[in-house]
Amino acid sequence: MQKVQRKTFINKSDEEINEFLNNLPAEDIVSTHFAVYGYENAADEWTTIFYKVDVE
């Protein structure tokens, strides 16, 4: 059986996110989401990856 998990990166480098993605089989990636949230002259970049994992 499989379930979907979520991994969120906040203000992480592209290299760190790509390293995580490179360790996942392409068929297990369900979706990705990128957003920028701004507030008082600052902003946070959020990247969220939804992926399948095997469970017993």
PDB file of N, CA and C in Angstrom:
ATOM      1  N   MET A   1       0.842  -1.165   0.000  1.00  0.00           N
ATOM      2  CA  MET A   1       0.000   0.000   0.000  1.00  0.00           C
ATOM      3  C   MET A   1       0.896   1.239   0.000  1.00  0.00           C
ATOM      4  N   GLN A   2       0.391   2.322  -0.567  1.00  0.00           N
ATOM      5  CA  GLN A   2       1.145   3.572  -0.572  1.00  0.00           C
ATOM      6  C   GLN A   2       0.302   4.690   0.021  1.00  0.00           C
ATOM      7  N   LYS A   3       0.980   5.686   0.558  1.00  0.00           N
ATOM      8  CA  LYS A   3       0.306   6.893   1.022  1.00  0.00           C
ATOM      9  C   LYS A   3       1.104   8.090   0.520  1.00  0.00           C
ATOM     10  N   VAL A   4       0.491   9.244   0.555  1.00  0.00           N
ATOM     11  CA  VAL A   4       1.145  10.468   0.094  1.00  0.00           C
ATOM     12  C   VAL A   4       1.677  11.220   1.302  1.00  0.00           C
ATOM     13  N   GLN A   5       2.940  11.643   1.190  1.00  0.00           N
ATOM     14  CA  GLN A   5       3.548  12.471   2.229  1.00  0.00           C
ATOM     15  C   GLN A   5       3.901  13.823   1.634  1.00  0.00           C
ATOM     16  N   ARG A   6       4.152  14.775   2.527  1.00  0.00           N
ATOM     17  CA  ARG A   6       4.491  16.135   2.109  1.00  0.00           C
ATOM     18  C   ARG A   6       5.834  16.526   2.719  1.00  0.00           C
ATOM     19  N   LYS A   7       6.655  17.167   1.917  1.00  0.00           N
ATOM     20  CA  LYS A   7       7.925  17.728   2.397  1.00  0.00           C
ATOM     21  C   LYS A   7       7.930  19.200   2.014  1.00  0.00           C
ATOM     22  N   THR A   8       8.108  20.071   2.996  1.00  0.00           N
ATOM     23  CA  THR A   8       8.101  21.516   2.743  1.00  0.00           C
ATOM     24  C   THR A   8       9.482  22.093   3.018  1.00  0.00           C
ATOM     25  N   PHE A   9       9.954  22.887   2.074  1.00  0.00           N
ATOM     26  CA  PHE A   9      11.221  23.606   2.207  1.00  0.00           C
ATOM     27  C   PHE A   9      10.892  25.090   2.306  1.00  0.00           C
ATOM     28  N   ILE A  10      11.401  25.747   3.330  1.00  0.00           N
ATOM     29  CA  ILE A  10      11.184  27.181   3.495  1.00  0.00           C
ATOM     30  C   ILE A  10      12.529  27.876   3.383  1.00  0.00           C
ATOM     31  N   ASN A  11      12.638  28.740   2.378  1.00  0.00           N
ATOM     32  CA  ASN A  11      13.863  29.515   2.119  1.00  0.00           C
ATOM     33  C   ASN A  11      15.092  28.625   1.941  1.00  0.00           C
ATOM     34  N   LYS A  12      14.924  27.501   1.270  1.00  0.00           N
ATOM     35  CA  LYS A  12      16.051  26.593   1.008  1.00  0.00           C
ATOM     36  C   LYS A  12      16.568  26.815  -0.410  1.00  0.00           C
ATOM     37  N   SER A  13      17.807  26.458  -0.626  1.00  0.00           N
ATOM     38  CA  SER A  13      18.427  26.648  -1.941  1.00  0.00           C
ATOM     39  C   SER A  13      17.881  25.636  -2.943  1.00  0.00           C
ATOM     40  N   ASP A  14      17.974  25.999  -4.217  1.00  0.00           N
ATOM     41  CA  ASP A  14      17.562  25.084  -5.284  1.00  0.00           C
ATOM     42  C   ASP A  14      18.347  23.784  -5.215  1.00  0.00           C
ATOM     43  N   GLU A  15      19.612  23.858  -4.851  1.00  0.00           N
ATOM     44  CA  GLU A  15      20.452  22.666  -4.774  1.00  0.00           C
ATOM     45  C   GLU A  15      19.921  21.690  -3.724  1.00  0.00           C
ATOM     46  N   GLU A  16      19.509  22.204  -2.578  1.00  0.00           N
ATOM     47  CA  GLU A  16      18.993  21.341  -1.517  1.00  0.00           C
ATOM     48  C   GLU A  16      17.669  20.684  -1.943  1.00  0.00           C
ATOM     49  N   ILE A  17      16.810  21.457  -2.590  1.00  0.00           N
ATOM     50  CA  ILE A  17      15.531  20.910  -3.061  1.00  0.00           C
ATOM     51  C   ILE A  17      15.773  19.878  -4.156  1.00  0.00           C
ATOM     52  N   ASN A  18      16.667  20.171  -5.089  1.00  0.00           N
ATOM     53  CA  ASN A  18      16.970  19.235  -6.170  1.00  0.00           C
ATOM     54  C   ASN A  18      17.593  17.942  -5.648  1.00  0.00           C
ATOM     55  N   GLU A  19      18.405  18.040  -4.614  1.00  0.00           N
ATOM     56  CA  GLU A  19      19.003  16.838  -4.013  1.00  0.00           C
ATOM     57  C   GLU A  19      17.907  15.917  -3.481  1.00  0.00           C
ATOM     58  N   PHE A  20      16.902  16.502  -2.830  1.00  0.00           N
ATOM     59  CA  PHE A  20      15.778  15.703  -2.335  1.00  0.00           C
ATOM     60  C   PHE A  20      15.018  15.080  -3.502  1.00  0.00           C
ATOM     61  N   LEU A  21      14.732  15.880  -4.534  1.00  0.00           N
ATOM     62  CA  LEU A  21      13.979  15.371  -5.682  1.00  0.00           C
ATOM     63  C   LEU A  21      14.735  14.277  -6.429  1.00  0.00           C
ATOM     64  N   ASN A  22      16.043  14.401  -6.506  1.00  0.00           N
ATOM     65  CA  ASN A  22      16.845  13.406  -7.225  1.00  0.00           C
ATOM     66  C   ASN A  22      16.824  12.038  -6.549  1.00  0.00           C
ATOM     67  N   ASN A  23      16.459  11.997  -5.266  1.00  0.00           N
ATOM     68  CA  ASN A  23      16.388  10.727  -4.546  1.00  0.00           C
ATOM     69  C   ASN A  23      15.010  10.079  -4.608  1.00  0.00           C
ATOM     70  N   LEU A  24      14.066  10.734  -5.311  1.00  0.00           N
ATOM     71  CA  LEU A  24      12.722  10.177  -5.458  1.00  0.00           C
ATOM     72  C   LEU A  24      12.543   9.647  -6.874  1.00  0.00           C
ATOM     73  N   PRO A  25      11.938   8.471  -7.026  1.00  0.00           N
ATOM     74  CA  PRO A  25      11.584   8.021  -8.370  1.00  0.00           C
ATOM     75  C   PRO A  25      10.532   8.976  -8.956  1.00  0.00           C
ATOM     76  N   ALA A  26      10.656   9.305 -10.231  1.00  0.00           N
ATOM     77  CA  ALA A  26       9.744  10.262 -10.868  1.00  0.00           C
ATOM     78  C   ALA A  26       8.290   9.837 -10.727  1.00  0.00           C
ATOM     79  N   GLU A  27       8.031   8.534 -10.786  1.00  0.00           N
ATOM     80  CA  GLU A  27       6.641   8.068 -10.705  1.00  0.00           C
ATOM     81  C   GLU A  27       6.042   8.228  -9.309  1.00  0.00           C
ATOM     82  N   ASP A  28       6.872   8.484  -8.301  1.00  0.00           N
ATOM     83  CA  ASP A  28       6.365   8.674  -6.945  1.00  0.00           C
ATOM     84  C   ASP A  28       6.057  10.140  -6.618  1.00  0.00           C
ATOM     85  N   ILE A  29       6.455  11.074  -7.465  1.00  0.00           N
ATOM     86  CA  ILE A  29       6.166  12.491  -7.237  1.00  0.00           C
ATOM     87  C   ILE A  29       4.736  12.759  -7.685  1.00  0.00           C
ATOM     88  N   VAL A  30       3.900  13.202  -6.745  1.00  0.00           N
ATOM     89  CA  VAL A  30       2.502  13.468  -7.042  1.00  0.00           C
ATOM     90  C   VAL A  30       2.339  14.895  -7.555  1.00  0.00           C
ATOM     91  N   SER A  31       2.916  15.868  -6.847  1.00  0.00           N
ATOM     92  CA  SER A  31       2.839  17.263  -7.284  1.00  0.00           C
ATOM     93  C   SER A  31       3.852  18.098  -6.516  1.00  0.00           C
ATOM     94  N   THR A  32       4.083  19.287  -7.040  1.00  0.00           N
ATOM     95  CA  THR A  32       4.935  20.264  -6.365  1.00  0.00           C
ATOM     96  C   THR A  32       4.186  21.590  -6.318  1.00  0.00           C
ATOM     97  N   HIS A  33       4.524  22.391  -5.335  1.00  0.00           N
ATOM     98  CA  HIS A  33       3.869  23.693  -5.186  1.00  0.00           C
ATOM     99  C   HIS A  33       4.925  24.697  -4.745  1.00  0.00           C
ATOM    100  N   PHE A  34       4.940  25.861  -5.385  1.00  0.00           N
ATOM    101  CA  PHE A  34       5.877  26.917  -5.032  1.00  0.00           C
ATOM    102  C   PHE A  34       5.076  28.181  -4.737  1.00  0.00           C
ATOM    103  N   ALA A  35       5.415  28.859  -3.643  1.00  0.00           N
ATOM    104  CA  ALA A  35       4.720  30.093  -3.281  1.00  0.00           C
ATOM    105  C   ALA A  35       5.689  31.041  -2.595  1.00  0.00           C
ATOM    106  N   VAL A  36       5.419  32.322  -2.738  1.00  0.00           N
ATOM    107  CA  VAL A  36       6.172  33.356  -2.035  1.00  0.00           C
ATOM    108  C   VAL A  36       5.177  34.128  -1.177  1.00  0.00           C
ATOM    109  N   TYR A  37       5.482  34.213   0.103  1.00  0.00           N
ATOM    110  CA  TYR A  37       4.633  34.935   1.034  1.00  0.00           C
ATOM    111  C   TYR A  37       5.395  36.164   1.519  1.00  0.00           C
ATOM    112  N   GLY A  38       4.853  37.344   1.270  1.00  0.00           N
ATOM    113  CA  GLY A  38       5.512  38.587   1.656  1.00  0.00           C
ATOM    114  C   GLY A  38       4.859  39.234   2.856  1.00  0.00           C
ATOM    115  N   TYR A  39       5.680  39.946   3.616  1.00  0.00           N
ATOM    116  CA  TYR A  39       5.188  40.667   4.780  1.00  0.00           C
ATOM    117  C   TYR A  39       6.221  41.709   5.171  1.00  0.00           C
ATOM    118  N   GLU A  40       5.800  42.902   5.464  1.00  0.00           N
ATOM    119  CA  GLU A  40       6.642  43.982   5.976  1.00  0.00           C
ATOM    120  C   GLU A  40       8.055  43.986   5.394  1.00  0.00           C
ATOM    121  N   ASN A  41       8.193  44.202   4.103  1.00  0.00           N
ATOM    122  CA  ASN A  41       9.489  44.312   3.421  1.00  0.00           C
ATOM    123  C   ASN A  41      10.324  43.030   3.452  1.00  0.00           C
ATOM    124  N   ALA A  42       9.700  41.896   3.651  1.00  0.00           N
ATOM    125  CA  ALA A  42      10.405  40.614   3.637  1.00  0.00           C
ATOM    126  C   ALA A  42       9.518  39.590   2.938  1.00  0.00           C
ATOM    127  N   ALA A  43      10.124  38.475   2.572  1.00  0.00           N
ATOM    128  CA  ALA A  43       9.353  37.417   1.920  1.00  0.00           C
ATOM    129  C   ALA A  43       9.967  36.057   2.234  1.00  0.00           C
ATOM    130  N   ASP A  44       9.123  35.046   2.245  1.00  0.00           N
ATOM    131  CA  ASP A  44       9.565  33.667   2.412  1.00  0.00           C
ATOM    132  C   ASP A  44       9.176  32.886   1.173  1.00  0.00           C
ATOM    133  N   GLU A  45      10.076  32.032   0.714  1.00  0.00           N
ATOM    134  CA  GLU A  45       9.788  31.151  -0.412  1.00  0.00           C
ATOM    135  C   GLU A  45       9.506  29.755   0.123  1.00  0.00           C
ATOM    136  N   TRP A  46       8.353  29.224  -0.218  1.00  0.00           N
ATOM    137  CA  TRP A  46       7.940  27.887   0.217  1.00  0.00           C
ATOM    138  C   TRP A  46       7.868  26.975  -0.992  1.00  0.00           C
ATOM    139  N   THR A  47       8.519  25.826  -0.918  1.00  0.00           N
ATOM    140  CA  THR A  47       8.403  24.793  -1.936  1.00  0.00           C
ATOM    141  C   THR A  47       7.907  23.536  -1.236  1.00  0.00           C
ATOM    142  N   THR A  48       6.793  23.011  -1.715  1.00  0.00           N
ATOM    143  CA  THR A  48       6.209  21.816  -1.112  1.00  0.00           C
ATOM    144  C   THR A  48       6.139  20.722  -2.165  1.00  0.00           C
ATOM    145  N   ILE A  49       6.563  19.535  -1.776  1.00  0.00           N
ATOM    146  CA  ILE A  49       6.568  18.378  -2.670  1.00  0.00           C
ATOM    147  C   ILE A  49       5.705  17.296  -2.040  1.00  0.00           C
ATOM    148  N   PHE A  50       4.762  16.796  -2.812  1.00  0.00           N
ATOM    149  CA  PHE A  50       3.915  15.683  -2.384  1.00  0.00           C
ATOM    150  C   PHE A  50       4.391  14.447  -3.127  1.00  0.00           C
ATOM    151  N   TYR A  51       4.640  13.375  -2.374  1.00  0.00           N
ATOM    152  CA  TYR A  51       5.203  12.172  -2.986  1.00  0.00           C
ATOM    153  C   TYR A  51       4.663  10.920  -2.304  1.00  0.00           C
ATOM    154  N   LYS A  52       4.683   9.806  -3.031  1.00  0.00           N
ATOM    155  CA  LYS A  52       4.168   8.541  -2.509  1.00  0.00           C
ATOM    156  C   LYS A  52       5.266   7.763  -1.786  1.00  0.00           C
ATOM    157  N   VAL A  53       4.870   7.109  -0.705  1.00  0.00           N
ATOM    158  CA  VAL A  53       5.780   6.223   0.024  1.00  0.00           C
ATOM    159  C   VAL A  53       5.038   4.910   0.298  1.00  0.00           C
ATOM    160  N   ASP A  54       5.794   3.832   0.400  1.00  0.00           N
ATOM    161  CA  ASP A  54       5.210   2.532   0.724  1.00  0.00           C
ATOM    162  C   ASP A  54       4.976   2.427   2.228  1.00  0.00           C
ATOM    163  N   VAL A  55       3.845   1.859   2.605  1.00  0.00           N
ATOM    164  CA  VAL A  55       3.547   1.590   4.006  1.00  0.00           C
ATOM    165  C   VAL A  55       3.102   0.147   4.129  1.00  0.00           C
ATOM    166  N   GLU A  56       3.282  -0.406   5.298  1.00  0.00           N
ATOM    167  CA  GLU A  56       2.892  -1.812   5.526  1.00  0.00           C
ATOM    168  C   GLU A  56       1.547  -1.881   6.203  1.00  0.00           C
TER     169      GLU A  56
END
